[in-house]
PDB file of N, CA and C in Angstrom:
ATOM      1  N   UNK A   1      83.668  33.846  58.054  1.00  0.00           N
ATOM      2  CA  UNK A   1      83.622  34.542  56.778  1.00  0.00           C
ATOM      3  C   UNK A   1      82.373  34.098  56.026  1.00  0.00           C
ATOM      4  N   UNK A   2      81.550  35.031  55.577  1.00  0.00           N
ATOM      5  CA  UNK A   2      80.324  34.651  54.888  1.00  0.00           C
ATOM      6  C   UNK A   2      80.604  34.036  53.522  1.00  0.00           C
ATOM      7  N   UNK A   3      79.653  33.244  53.081  1.00  0.00           N
ATOM      8  CA  UNK A   3      79.766  32.609  51.771  1.00  0.00           C
ATOM      9  C   UNK A   3      79.668  33.671  50.678  1.00  0.00           C
ATOM     10  N   UNK A   4      80.590  33.643  49.746  1.00  0.00           N
ATOM     11  CA  UNK A   4      80.580  34.587  48.624  1.00  0.00           C
ATOM     12  C   UNK A   4      80.263  33.827  47.345  1.00  0.00           C
ATOM     13  N   UNK A   5      79.008  33.703  47.038  1.00  0.00           N
ATOM     14  CA  UNK A   5      78.647  33.097  45.766  1.00  0.00           C
ATOM     15  C   UNK A   5      77.785  34.076  44.980  1.00  0.00           C
ATOM     16  N   UNK A   6      77.668  33.792  43.701  1.00  0.00           N
ATOM     17  CA  UNK A   6      76.979  34.712  42.801  1.00  0.00           C
ATOM     18  C   UNK A   6      75.512  34.908  43.165  1.00  0.00           C
ATOM     19  N   UNK A   7      74.839  33.855  43.581  1.00  0.00           N
ATOM     20  CA  UNK A   7      73.417  33.986  43.904  1.00  0.00           C
ATOM     21  C   UNK A   7      73.213  34.887  45.118  1.00  0.00           C
ATOM     22  N   UNK A   8      74.112  34.813  46.069  1.00  0.00           N
ATOM     23  CA  UNK A   8      73.994  35.666  47.254  1.00  0.00           C
ATOM     24  C   UNK A   8      74.198  37.138  46.886  1.00  0.00           C
ATOM     25  N   UNK A   9      75.184  37.412  46.057  1.00  0.00           N
ATOM     26  CA  UNK A   9      75.443  38.785  45.619  1.00  0.00           C
ATOM     27  C   UNK A   9      74.271  39.305  44.796  1.00  0.00           C
ATOM     28  N   UNK A  10      73.735  38.475  43.904  1.00  0.00           N
ATOM     29  CA  UNK A  10      72.596  38.872  43.082  1.00  0.00           C
ATOM     30  C   UNK A  10      71.368  39.153  43.952  1.00  0.00           C
ATOM     31  N   UNK A  11      71.182  38.372  45.001  1.00  0.00           N
ATOM     32  CA  UNK A  11      70.081  38.587  45.919  1.00  0.00           C
ATOM     33  C   UNK A  11      70.232  39.927  46.649  1.00  0.00           C
ATOM     34  N   UNK A  12      71.429  40.244  47.083  1.00  0.00           N
ATOM     35  CA  UNK A  12      71.663  41.518  47.775  1.00  0.00           C
ATOM     36  C   UNK A  12      71.441  42.693  46.830  1.00  0.00           C
ATOM     37  N   UNK A  13      71.908  42.577  45.592  1.00  0.00           N
ATOM     38  CA  UNK A  13      71.680  43.638  44.610  1.00  0.00           C
ATOM     39  C   UNK A  13      70.184  43.817  44.371  1.00  0.00           C
ATOM     40  N   UNK A  14      69.446  42.703  44.280  1.00  0.00           N
ATOM     41  CA  UNK A  14      67.999  42.783  44.121  1.00  0.00           C
ATOM     42  C   UNK A  14      67.325  43.487  45.282  1.00  0.00           C
ATOM     43  N   UNK A  15      67.780  43.217  46.500  1.00  0.00           N
ATOM     44  CA  UNK A  15      67.219  43.884  47.668  1.00  0.00           C
ATOM     45  C   UNK A  15      67.497  45.386  47.654  1.00  0.00           C
ATOM     46  N   UNK A  16      68.691  45.766  47.255  1.00  0.00           N
ATOM     47  CA  UNK A  16      69.036  47.197  47.200  1.00  0.00           C
ATOM     48  C   UNK A  16      68.199  47.906  46.140  1.00  0.00           C
ATOM     49  N   UNK A  17      68.013  47.269  44.988  1.00  0.00           N
ATOM     50  CA  UNK A  17      67.196  47.859  43.922  1.00  0.00           C
ATOM     51  C   UNK A  17      65.746  47.974  44.386  1.00  0.00           C
ATOM     52  N   UNK A  18      65.245  46.953  45.089  1.00  0.00           N
ATOM     53  CA  UNK A  18      63.889  47.020  45.645  1.00  0.00           C
ATOM     54  C   UNK A  18      63.744  48.178  46.621  1.00  0.00           C
ATOM     55  N   UNK A  19      64.723  48.345  47.490  1.00  0.00           N
ATOM     56  CA  UNK A  19      64.671  49.438  48.463  1.00  0.00           C
ATOM     57  C   UNK A  19      64.636  50.789  47.764  1.00  0.00           C
ATOM     58  N   UNK A  20      65.453  50.957  46.726  1.00  0.00           N
ATOM     59  CA  UNK A  20      65.444  52.220  45.981  1.00  0.00           C
ATOM     60  C   UNK A  20      64.075  52.449  45.334  1.00  0.00           C
ATOM     61  N   UNK A  21      63.497  51.413  44.752  1.00  0.00           N
ATOM     62  CA  UNK A  21      62.182  51.541  44.134  1.00  0.00           C
ATOM     63  C   UNK A  21      61.103  51.893  45.143  1.00  0.00           C
ATOM     64  N   UNK A  22      61.141  51.282  46.314  1.00  0.00           N
ATOM     65  CA  UNK A  22      60.148  51.568  47.350  1.00  0.00           C
ATOM     66  C   UNK A  22      60.276  52.999  47.838  1.00  0.00           C
ATOM     67  N   UNK A  23      61.502  53.443  48.061  1.00  0.00           N
ATOM     68  CA  UNK A  23      61.697  54.822  48.530  1.00  0.00           C
ATOM     69  C   UNK A  23      61.199  55.835  47.497  1.00  0.00           C
ATOM     70  N   UNK A  24      61.449  55.565  46.228  1.00  0.00           N
ATOM     71  CA  UNK A  24      60.956  56.458  45.175  1.00  0.00           C
ATOM     72  C   UNK A  24      59.435  56.468  45.151  1.00  0.00           C
ATOM     73  N   UNK A  25      58.823  55.299  45.266  1.00  0.00           N
ATOM     74  CA  UNK A  25      57.363  55.243  45.246  1.00  0.00           C
ATOM     75  C   UNK A  25      56.743  55.921  46.464  1.00  0.00           C
ATOM     76  N   UNK A  26      57.383  55.806  47.631  1.00  0.00           N
ATOM     77  CA  UNK A  26      56.864  56.495  48.806  1.00  0.00           C
ATOM     78  C   UNK A  26      56.951  58.001  48.641  1.00  0.00           C
ATOM     79  N   UNK A  27      57.976  58.466  47.972  1.00  0.00           N
ATOM     80  CA  UNK A  27      58.157  59.913  47.809  1.00  0.00           C
ATOM     81  C   UNK A  27      57.244  60.477  46.708  1.00  0.00           C
ATOM     82  N   UNK A  28      57.200  59.810  45.550  1.00  0.00           N
ATOM     83  CA  UNK A  28      56.491  60.377  44.404  1.00  0.00           C
ATOM     84  C   UNK A  28      55.191  59.655  44.059  1.00  0.00           C
ATOM     85  N   UNK A  29      54.899  58.544  44.670  1.00  0.00           N
ATOM     86  CA  UNK A  29      53.632  57.862  44.438  1.00  0.00           C
ATOM     87  C   UNK A  29      53.638  56.978  43.205  1.00  0.00           C
ATOM     88  N   UNK A  30      52.562  56.249  43.067  1.00  0.00           N
ATOM     89  CA  UNK A  30      52.413  55.341  41.929  1.00  0.00           C
ATOM     90  C   UNK A  30      52.216  56.150  40.648  1.00  0.00           C
ATOM     91  N   UNK A  31      52.667  55.620  39.509  1.00  0.00           N
ATOM     92  CA  UNK A  31      52.556  56.380  38.261  1.00  0.00           C
ATOM     93  C   UNK A  31      51.127  56.504  37.749  1.00  0.00           C
ATOM     94  N   UNK A  32      50.231  55.638  38.172  1.00  0.00           N
ATOM     95  CA  UNK A  32      48.861  55.702  37.665  1.00  0.00           C
ATOM     96  C   UNK A  32      47.936  56.283  38.726  1.00  0.00           C
ATOM     97  N   UNK A  33      48.233  57.504  39.109  1.00  0.00           N
ATOM     98  CA  UNK A  33      47.392  58.241  40.046  1.00  0.00           C
ATOM     99  C   UNK A  33      46.585  59.267  39.264  1.00  0.00           C
ATOM    100  N   UNK A  34      45.675  59.951  39.931  1.00  0.00           N
ATOM    101  CA  UNK A  34      44.860  60.966  39.276  1.00  0.00           C
ATOM    102  C   UNK A  34      45.710  62.226  39.100  1.00  0.00           C
ATOM    103  N   UNK A  35      45.912  62.616  37.867  1.00  0.00           N
ATOM    104  CA  UNK A  35      46.717  63.795  37.576  1.00  0.00           C
ATOM    105  C   UNK A  35      45.838  65.038  37.568  1.00  0.00           C
ATOM    106  N   UNK A  36      46.460  66.169  37.899  1.00  0.00           N
ATOM    107  CA  UNK A  36      45.700  67.420  37.881  1.00  0.00           C
ATOM    108  C   UNK A  36      45.763  68.094  36.517  1.00  0.00           C
ATOM    109  N   UNK A  37      46.665  67.651  35.645  1.00  0.00           N
ATOM    110  CA  UNK A  37      46.858  68.231  34.309  1.00  0.00           C
ATOM    111  C   UNK A  37      47.118  69.732  34.381  1.00  0.00           C
ATOM    112  N   UNK A  38      47.674  70.175  35.498  1.00  0.00           N
ATOM    113  CA  UNK A  38      48.027  71.583  35.638  1.00  0.00           C
ATOM    114  C   UNK A  38      46.860  72.500  35.864  1.00  0.00           C
ATOM    115  N   UNK A  39      45.670  71.948  36.026  1.00  0.00           N
ATOM    116  CA  UNK A  39      44.500  72.799  36.211  1.00  0.00           C
ATOM    117  C   UNK A  39      44.453  73.317  37.640  1.00  0.00           C
ATOM    118  N   UNK A  40      44.111  74.571  37.772  1.00  0.00           N
ATOM    119  CA  UNK A  40      43.974  75.187  39.079  1.00  0.00           C
ATOM    120  C   UNK A  40      42.652  74.702  39.667  1.00  0.00           C
ATOM    121  N   UNK A  41      42.658  74.442  40.968  1.00  0.00           N
ATOM    122  CA  UNK A  41      41.462  73.892  41.620  1.00  0.00           C
ATOM    123  C   UNK A  41      40.260  74.832  41.480  1.00  0.00           C
ATOM    124  N   UNK A  42      40.492  76.119  41.510  1.00  0.00           N
ATOM    125  CA  UNK A  42      39.395  77.058  41.344  1.00  0.00           C
ATOM    126  C   UNK A  42      38.795  76.901  39.955  1.00  0.00           C
ATOM    127  N   UNK A  43      37.580  77.283  39.788  1.00  0.00           N
ATOM    128  CA  UNK A  43      36.868  77.084  38.525  1.00  0.00           C
ATOM    129  C   UNK A  43      37.206  78.171  37.499  1.00  0.00           C
ATOM    130  N   UNK A  44      38.461  78.562  37.413  1.00  0.00           N
ATOM    131  CA  UNK A  44      38.838  79.607  36.463  1.00  0.00           C
ATOM    132  C   UNK A  44      39.173  79.033  35.094  1.00  0.00           C
ATOM    133  N   UNK A  45      39.511  77.743  35.058  1.00  0.00           N
ATOM    134  CA  UNK A  45      39.881  77.134  33.781  1.00  0.00           C
ATOM    135  C   UNK A  45      41.327  77.414  33.405  1.00  0.00           C
ATOM    136  N   UNK A  46      42.070  78.081  34.276  1.00  0.00           N
ATOM    137  CA  UNK A  46      43.479  78.390  33.992  1.00  0.00           C
ATOM    138  C   UNK A  46      44.328  77.134  34.156  1.00  0.00           C
ATOM    139  N   UNK A  47      45.394  77.064  33.369  1.00  0.00           N
ATOM    140  CA  UNK A  47      46.328  75.942  33.455  1.00  0.00           C
ATOM    141  C   UNK A  47      47.640  76.468  34.007  1.00  0.00           C
ATOM    142  N   UNK A  48      48.127  75.795  35.040  1.00  0.00           N
ATOM    143  CA  UNK A  48      49.376  76.188  35.685  1.00  0.00           C
ATOM    144  C   UNK A  48      50.525  75.389  35.067  1.00  0.00           C
ATOM    145  N   UNK A  49      51.466  76.055  34.377  1.00  0.00           N
ATOM    146  CA  UNK A  49      52.566  75.303  33.755  1.00  0.00           C
ATOM    147  C   UNK A  49      53.431  74.582  34.786  1.00  0.00           C
ATOM    148  N   UNK A  50      53.546  75.171  35.968  1.00  0.00           N
ATOM    149  CA  UNK A  50      54.330  74.514  37.021  1.00  0.00           C
ATOM    150  C   UNK A  50      53.630  73.231  37.464  1.00  0.00           C
ATOM    151  N   UNK A  51      52.307  73.269  37.535  1.00  0.00           N
ATOM    152  CA  UNK A  51      51.549  72.066  37.880  1.00  0.00           C
ATOM    153  C   UNK A  51      51.710  70.975  36.845  1.00  0.00           C
ATOM    154  N   UNK A  52      51.727  71.354  35.575  1.00  0.00           N
ATOM    155  CA  UNK A  52      51.962  70.370  34.511  1.00  0.00           C
ATOM    156  C   UNK A  52      53.335  69.729  34.643  1.00  0.00           C
ATOM    157  N   UNK A  53      54.344  70.552  34.920  1.00  0.00           N
ATOM    158  CA  UNK A  53      55.704  70.033  35.073  1.00  0.00           C
ATOM    159  C   UNK A  53      55.789  69.089  36.271  1.00  0.00           C
ATOM    160  N   UNK A  54      55.121  69.454  37.375  1.00  0.00           N
ATOM    161  CA  UNK A  54      55.132  68.584  38.549  1.00  0.00           C
ATOM    162  C   UNK A  54      54.434  67.261  38.263  1.00  0.00           C
ATOM    163  N   UNK A  55      53.337  67.308  37.529  1.00  0.00           N
ATOM    164  CA  UNK A  55      52.650  66.071  37.154  1.00  0.00           C
ATOM    165  C   UNK A  55      53.583  65.153  36.369  1.00  0.00           C
ATOM    166  N   UNK A  56      54.313  65.718  35.415  1.00  0.00           N
ATOM    167  CA  UNK A  56      55.225  64.909  34.602  1.00  0.00           C
ATOM    168  C   UNK A  56      56.327  64.309  35.453  1.00  0.00           C
ATOM    169  N   UNK A  57      56.860  65.086  36.391  1.00  0.00           N
ATOM    170  CA  UNK A  57      57.926  64.587  37.266  1.00  0.00           C
ATOM    171  C   UNK A  57      57.397  63.453  38.133  1.00  0.00           C
ATOM    172  N   UNK A  58      56.208  63.635  38.716  1.00  0.00           N
ATOM    173  CA  UNK A  58      55.646  62.609  39.576  1.00  0.00           C
ATOM    174  C   UNK A  58      55.375  61.327  38.799  1.00  0.00           C
ATOM    175  N   UNK A  59      54.856  61.444  37.595  1.00  0.00           N
ATOM    176  CA  UNK A  59      54.569  60.254  36.793  1.00  0.00           C
ATOM    177  C   UNK A  59      55.864  59.539  36.410  1.00  0.00           C
ATOM    178  N   UNK A  60      56.853  60.287  35.959  1.00  0.00           N
ATOM    179  CA  UNK A  60      58.128  59.662  35.565  1.00  0.00           C
ATOM    180  C   UNK A  60      58.811  58.998  36.749  1.00  0.00           C
ATOM    181  N   UNK A  61      58.868  59.690  37.877  1.00  0.00           N
ATOM    182  CA  UNK A  61      59.502  59.104  39.063  1.00  0.00           C
ATOM    183  C   UNK A  61      58.721  57.883  39.546  1.00  0.00           C
ATOM    184  N   UNK A  62      57.414  57.923  39.444  1.00  0.00           N
ATOM    185  CA  UNK A  62      56.610  56.771  39.819  1.00  0.00           C
ATOM    186  C   UNK A  62      56.923  55.564  38.957  1.00  0.00           C
ATOM    187  N   UNK A  63      57.058  55.776  37.651  1.00  0.00           N
ATOM    188  CA  UNK A  63      57.403  54.666  36.754  1.00  0.00           C
ATOM    189  C   UNK A  63      58.802  54.138  37.041  1.00  0.00           C
ATOM    190  N   UNK A  64      59.747  55.037  37.326  1.00  0.00           N
ATOM    191  CA  UNK A  64      61.110  54.591  37.654  1.00  0.00           C
ATOM    192  C   UNK A  64      61.082  53.714  38.900  1.00  0.00           C
ATOM    193  N   UNK A  65      60.348  54.151  39.928  1.00  0.00           N
ATOM    194  CA  UNK A  65      60.253  53.360  41.149  1.00  0.00           C
ATOM    195  C   UNK A  65      59.613  52.002  40.905  1.00  0.00           C
ATOM    196  N   UNK A  66      58.560  51.967  40.117  1.00  0.00           N
ATOM    197  CA  UNK A  66      57.882  50.707  39.834  1.00  0.00           C
ATOM    198  C   UNK A  66      58.779  49.773  39.019  1.00  0.00           C
ATOM    199  N   UNK A  67      59.495  50.311  38.053  1.00  0.00           N
ATOM    200  CA  UNK A  67      60.409  49.496  37.240  1.00  0.00           C
ATOM    201  C   UNK A  67      61.553  48.960  38.101  1.00  0.00           C
ATOM    202  N   UNK A  68      62.069  49.788  39.019  1.00  0.00           N
ATOM    203  CA  UNK A  68      63.125  49.312  39.921  1.00  0.00           C
ATOM    204  C   UNK A  68      62.629  48.168  40.792  1.00  0.00           C
ATOM    205  N   UNK A  69      61.395  48.264  41.265  1.00  0.00           N
ATOM    206  CA  UNK A  69      60.830  47.167  42.060  1.00  0.00           C
ATOM    207  C   UNK A  69      60.739  45.885  41.243  1.00  0.00           C
ATOM    208  N   UNK A  70      60.297  46.004  40.013  1.00  0.00           N
ATOM    209  CA  UNK A  70      60.175  44.817  39.157  1.00  0.00           C
ATOM    210  C   UNK A  70      61.553  44.213  38.876  1.00  0.00           C
ATOM    211  N   UNK A  71      62.538  45.057  38.589  1.00  0.00           N
ATOM    212  CA  UNK A  71      63.903  44.565  38.337  1.00  0.00           C
ATOM    213  C   UNK A  71      64.460  43.878  39.576  1.00  0.00           C
ATOM    214  N   UNK A  72      64.240  44.470  40.739  1.00  0.00           N
ATOM    215  CA  UNK A  72      64.729  43.873  41.979  1.00  0.00           C
ATOM    216  C   UNK A  72      64.124  42.503  42.233  1.00  0.00           C
ATOM    217  N   UNK A  73      62.825  42.362  42.000  1.00  0.00           N
ATOM    218  CA  UNK A  73      62.169  41.063  42.197  1.00  0.00           C
ATOM    219  C   UNK A  73      62.715  40.046  41.200  1.00  0.00           C
ATOM    220  N   UNK A  74      62.913  40.455  39.961  1.00  0.00           N
ATOM    221  CA  UNK A  74      63.463  39.535  38.953  1.00  0.00           C
ATOM    222  C   UNK A  74      64.874  39.090  39.348  1.00  0.00           C
ATOM    223  N   UNK A  75      65.692  40.012  39.852  1.00  0.00           N
ATOM    224  CA  UNK A  75      67.043  39.643  40.295  1.00  0.00           C
ATOM    225  C   UNK A  75      66.991  38.648  41.450  1.00  0.00           C
ATOM    226  N   UNK A  76      66.054  38.841  42.367  1.00  0.00           N
ATOM    227  CA  UNK A  76      65.938  37.907  43.488  1.00  0.00           C
ATOM    228  C   UNK A  76      65.451  36.532  43.028  1.00  0.00           C
ATOM    229  N   UNK A  77      64.552  36.491  42.066  1.00  0.00           N
ATOM    230  CA  UNK A  77      64.094  35.205  41.532  1.00  0.00           C
ATOM    231  C   UNK A  77      65.244  34.490  40.840  1.00  0.00           C
ATOM    232  N   UNK A  78      66.016  35.212  40.039  1.00  0.00           N
ATOM    233  CA  UNK A  78      67.175  34.610  39.366  1.00  0.00           C
ATOM    234  C   UNK A  78      68.175  34.095  40.392  1.00  0.00           C
ATOM    235  N   UNK A  79      68.387  34.871  41.464  1.00  0.00           N
ATOM    236  CA  UNK A  79      69.331  34.456  42.501  1.00  0.00           C
ATOM    237  C   UNK A  79      68.890  33.155  43.159  1.00  0.00           C
ATOM    238  N   UNK A  80      67.594  32.965  43.332  1.00  0.00           N
ATOM    239  CA  UNK A  80      67.109  31.732  43.952  1.00  0.00           C
ATOM    240  C   UNK A  80      67.196  30.544  42.999  1.00  0.00           C
ATOM    241  N   UNK A  81      67.135  30.790  41.708  1.00  0.00           N
ATOM    242  CA  UNK A  81      67.188  29.703  40.743  1.00  0.00           C
ATOM    243  C   UNK A  81      68.619  29.278  40.407  1.00  0.00           C
ATOM    244  N   UNK A  82      69.597  30.152  40.671  1.00  0.00           N
ATOM    245  CA  UNK A  82      70.996  29.820  40.379  1.00  0.00           C
ATOM    246  C   UNK A  82      71.529  28.805  41.382  1.00  0.00           C
ATOM    247  N   UNK A  83      72.309  27.837  40.899  1.00  0.00           N
ATOM    248  CA  UNK A  83      72.970  26.945  41.857  1.00  0.00           C
ATOM    249  C   UNK A  83      74.101  27.708  42.551  1.00  0.00           C
ATOM    250  N   UNK A  84      74.424  27.337  43.779  1.00  0.00           N
ATOM    251  CA  UNK A  84      75.528  28.032  44.459  1.00  0.00           C
ATOM    252  C   UNK A  84      76.829  27.853  43.689  1.00  0.00           C
ATOM    253  N   UNK A  85      77.420  28.932  43.274  1.00  0.00           N
ATOM    254  CA  UNK A  85      78.682  28.919  42.530  1.00  0.00           C
ATOM    255  C   UNK A  85      79.647  29.854  43.234  1.00  0.00           C
ATOM    256  N   UNK A  86      80.760  29.330  43.730  1.00  0.00           N
ATOM    257  CA  UNK A  86      81.699  30.210  44.440  1.00  0.00           C
ATOM    258  C   UNK A  86      82.349  31.211  43.487  1.00  0.00           C
ATOM    259  N   UNK A  87      82.660  32.354  44.019  1.00  0.00           N
ATOM    260  CA  UNK A  87      83.370  33.375  43.250  1.00  0.00           C
ATOM    261  C   UNK A  87      84.800  32.920  43.018  1.00  0.00           C
ATOM    262  N   UNK A  88      85.451  33.427  41.972  1.00  0.00           N
ATOM    263  CA  UNK A  88      86.851  33.039  41.746  1.00  0.00           C
ATOM    264  C   UNK A  88      87.730  33.543  42.890  1.00  0.00           C
ATOM    265  N   UNK A  89      88.816  32.832  43.170  1.00  0.00           N
ATOM    266  CA  UNK A  89      89.698  33.273  44.249  1.00  0.00           C
ATOM    267  C   UNK A  89      90.352  34.615  43.914  1.00  0.00           C
ATOM    268  N   UNK A  90      90.741  35.374  44.936  1.00  0.00           N
ATOM    269  CA  UNK A  90      91.392  36.662  44.665  1.00  0.00           C
ATOM    270  C   UNK A  90      92.745  36.458  43.992  1.00  0.00           C
ATOM    271  N   UNK A  91      93.160  37.455  43.244  1.00  0.00           N
ATOM    272  CA  UNK A  91      94.454  37.390  42.562  1.00  0.00           C
ATOM    273  C   UNK A  91      95.573  37.395  43.598  1.00  0.00           C
ATOM    274  N   UNK A  92      96.678  36.756  43.280  1.00  0.00           N
ATOM    275  CA  UNK A  92      97.807  36.763  44.232  1.00  0.00           C
ATOM    276  C   UNK A  92      98.309  38.186  44.445  1.00  0.00           C
ATOM    277  N   UNK A  93      98.622  38.476  45.674  1.00  0.00           N
ATOM    278  CA  UNK A  93      99.149  39.810  45.993  1.00  0.00           C
ATOM    279  C   UNK A  93      98.077  40.820  46.360  1.00  0.00           C
ATOM    280  N   UNK A  94      96.788  40.447  46.298  1.00  0.00           N
ATOM    281  CA  UNK A  94      95.725  41.365  46.699  1.00  0.00           C
ATOM    282  C   UNK A  94      95.132  40.886  48.008  1.00  0.00           C
ATOM    283  N   UNK A  95      94.609  41.802  48.763  1.00  0.00           N
ATOM    284  CA  UNK A  95      93.976  41.447  50.034  1.00  0.00           C
ATOM    285  C   UNK A  95      92.566  40.967  49.765  1.00  0.00           C
ATOM    286  N   UNK A  96      92.159  39.834  50.381  1.00  0.00           N
ATOM    287  CA  UNK A  96      90.799  39.320  50.152  1.00  0.00           C
ATOM    288  C   UNK A  96      89.748  40.139  50.832  1.00  0.00           C
TER     289      UNK A  96
END
């Protein structure tokens, strides 16, 4: 039976949050990329509202992914600094 202490659980939660952040960043990219500002590549000067909306989505998702990565790393650091503390025993009548 594996050890069930708070630092181990916190470390696993940090890893899961990191994985979510990495997957988001791989899909939508870093938030500080070159934006198109909805401008059409052709020299018409037209602005594409759909392009603007996509830029906003990519930037927001990029920030969410980056923030999740930072939170995950902080959780893992906290988990390493915590002394091993066992979880409370299960209540009587429940399956462990």
